[in-house]
Amino acid sequence: MTEQEAHVILDELRNGSIEEYRVGKEDFLFFRTQLTAQKDFMHFSGRAEKGGSAVYTYSETPRK
């Protein structure tokens, strides 16, 4: 995964063109780094899955 690919995915989550995105364990740390750099980071939510992957979603309401 490249930085550009991660930003496209984050934008797609943000604008609602995709509801969720599954990140494999091989890309997890890189994707997470790109995610935490976002101004609206608290609007993203991740759910860990067995095997080291995670599923991310976006909500209009930020997490607390």
C-alpha atoms as a PDB file:
ATOM      1  CA  MET A   1       0.000   0.000   0.000  1.00  0.00           C
ATOM      2  CA  THR A   2       1.227   3.466  -0.845  1.00  0.00           C
ATOM      3  CA  GLU A   3       0.499   6.753   0.883  1.00  0.00           C
ATOM      4  CA  GLN A   4      -1.654   7.799  -2.079  1.00  0.00           C
ATOM      5  CA  GLU A   5      -3.697   4.560  -1.914  1.00  0.00           C
ATOM      6  CA  ALA A   6      -4.286   5.048   1.818  1.00  0.00           C
ATOM      7  CA  HIS A   7      -5.487   8.617   1.272  1.00  0.00           C
ATOM      8  CA  VAL A   8      -7.865   7.520  -1.488  1.00  0.00           C
ATOM      9  CA  ILE A   9      -9.340   4.886   0.843  1.00  0.00           C
ATOM     10  CA  LEU A  10      -9.700   7.405   3.671  1.00  0.00           C
ATOM     11  CA  ASP A  11     -11.408   9.881   1.336  1.00  0.00           C
ATOM     12  CA  GLU A  12     -13.785   7.164   0.105  1.00  0.00           C
ATOM     13  CA  LEU A  13     -14.718   6.301   3.694  1.00  0.00           C
ATOM     14  CA  ARG A  14     -15.121   9.986   4.486  1.00  0.00           C
ATOM     15  CA  ASN A  15     -17.402  10.769   1.531  1.00  0.00           C
ATOM     16  CA  GLY A  16     -19.455   7.585   1.884  1.00  0.00           C
ATOM     17  CA  SER A  17     -18.541   5.955  -1.426  1.00  0.00           C
ATOM     18  CA  ILE A  18     -17.476   2.893   0.628  1.00  0.00           C
ATOM     19  CA  GLU A  19     -19.000   1.907   3.975  1.00  0.00           C
ATOM     20  CA  GLU A  20     -16.021   0.021   5.341  1.00  0.00           C
ATOM     21  CA  TYR A  21     -12.493  -0.971   4.467  1.00  0.00           C
ATOM     22  CA  ARG A  22     -10.667  -4.123   5.561  1.00  0.00           C
ATOM     23  CA  VAL A  23      -6.923  -3.708   6.133  1.00  0.00           C
ATOM     24  CA  GLY A  24      -4.757  -6.825   6.153  1.00  0.00           C
ATOM     25  CA  LYS A  25      -2.135  -7.256   8.835  1.00  0.00           C
ATOM     26  CA  GLU A  26       0.637  -6.616   6.302  1.00  0.00           C
ATOM     27  CA  ASP A  27      -0.677  -3.052   5.720  1.00  0.00           C
ATOM     28  CA  PHE A  28      -2.130  -2.345   9.161  1.00  0.00           C
ATOM     29  CA  LEU A  29       0.721  -0.300  10.684  1.00  0.00           C
ATOM     30  CA  PHE A  30       1.208   1.815   7.568  1.00  0.00           C
ATOM     31  CA  PHE A  31      -2.528   2.457   7.176  1.00  0.00           C
ATOM     32  CA  ARG A  32      -2.887   3.305  10.870  1.00  0.00           C
ATOM     33  CA  THR A  33      -0.079   5.861  10.594  1.00  0.00           C
ATOM     34  CA  GLN A  34      -1.866   7.564   7.691  1.00  0.00           C
ATOM     35  CA  LEU A  35      -5.178   7.404   9.555  1.00  0.00           C
ATOM     36  CA  THR A  36      -3.926   8.992  12.770  1.00  0.00           C
ATOM     37  CA  ALA A  37      -2.522  11.932  10.779  1.00  0.00           C
ATOM     38  CA  GLN A  38      -6.024  12.898   9.592  1.00  0.00           C
ATOM     39  CA  LYS A  39      -7.649  16.007  11.105  1.00  0.00           C
ATOM     40  CA  ASP A  40     -10.904  14.074  11.500  1.00  0.00           C
ATOM     41  CA  PHE A  41      -9.218  10.978  12.978  1.00  0.00           C
ATOM     42  CA  MET A  42     -11.832  10.668  15.743  1.00  0.00           C
ATOM     43  CA  HIS A  43     -14.549  10.075  13.123  1.00  0.00           C
ATOM     44  CA  PHE A  44     -12.890   6.825  12.021  1.00  0.00           C
ATOM     45  CA  SER A  45     -13.497   3.636  13.926  1.00  0.00           C
ATOM     46  CA  GLY A  46     -11.628   0.354  13.633  1.00  0.00           C
ATOM     47  CA  ARG A  47     -12.576  -3.168  14.628  1.00  0.00           C
ATOM     48  CA  ALA A  48      -9.893  -5.840  14.988  1.00  0.00           C
ATOM     49  CA  GLU A  49     -10.497  -9.243  13.448  1.00  0.00           C
ATOM     50  CA  LYS A  50      -8.894 -12.626  13.934  1.00  0.00           C
ATOM     51  CA  GLY A  51      -5.684 -13.010  12.012  1.00  0.00           C
ATOM     52  CA  GLY A  52      -4.491  -9.428  12.411  1.00  0.00           C
ATOM     53  CA  SER A  53      -6.759  -7.582   9.990  1.00  0.00           C
ATOM     54  CA  ALA A  54      -8.978  -4.633  10.915  1.00  0.00           C
ATOM     55  CA  VAL A  55     -12.157  -3.136   9.482  1.00  0.00           C
ATOM     56  CA  TYR A  56     -12.478   0.656   9.418  1.00  0.00           C
ATOM     57  CA  THR A  57     -15.630   2.748   9.112  1.00  0.00           C
ATOM     58  CA  TYR A  58     -16.395   6.473   9.193  1.00  0.00           C
ATOM     59  CA  SER A  59     -19.068   8.252  11.215  1.00  0.00           C
ATOM     60  CA  GLU A  60     -20.277  11.845  11.027  1.00  0.00           C
ATOM     61  CA  THR A  61     -20.174  11.891  14.828  1.00  0.00           C
ATOM     62  CA  PRO A  62     -16.684  11.682  16.363  1.00  0.00           C
ATOM     63  CA  ARG A  63     -15.791   9.021  18.919  1.00  0.00           C
ATOM     64  CA  LYS A  64     -15.367  10.106  22.515  1.00  0.00           C
END
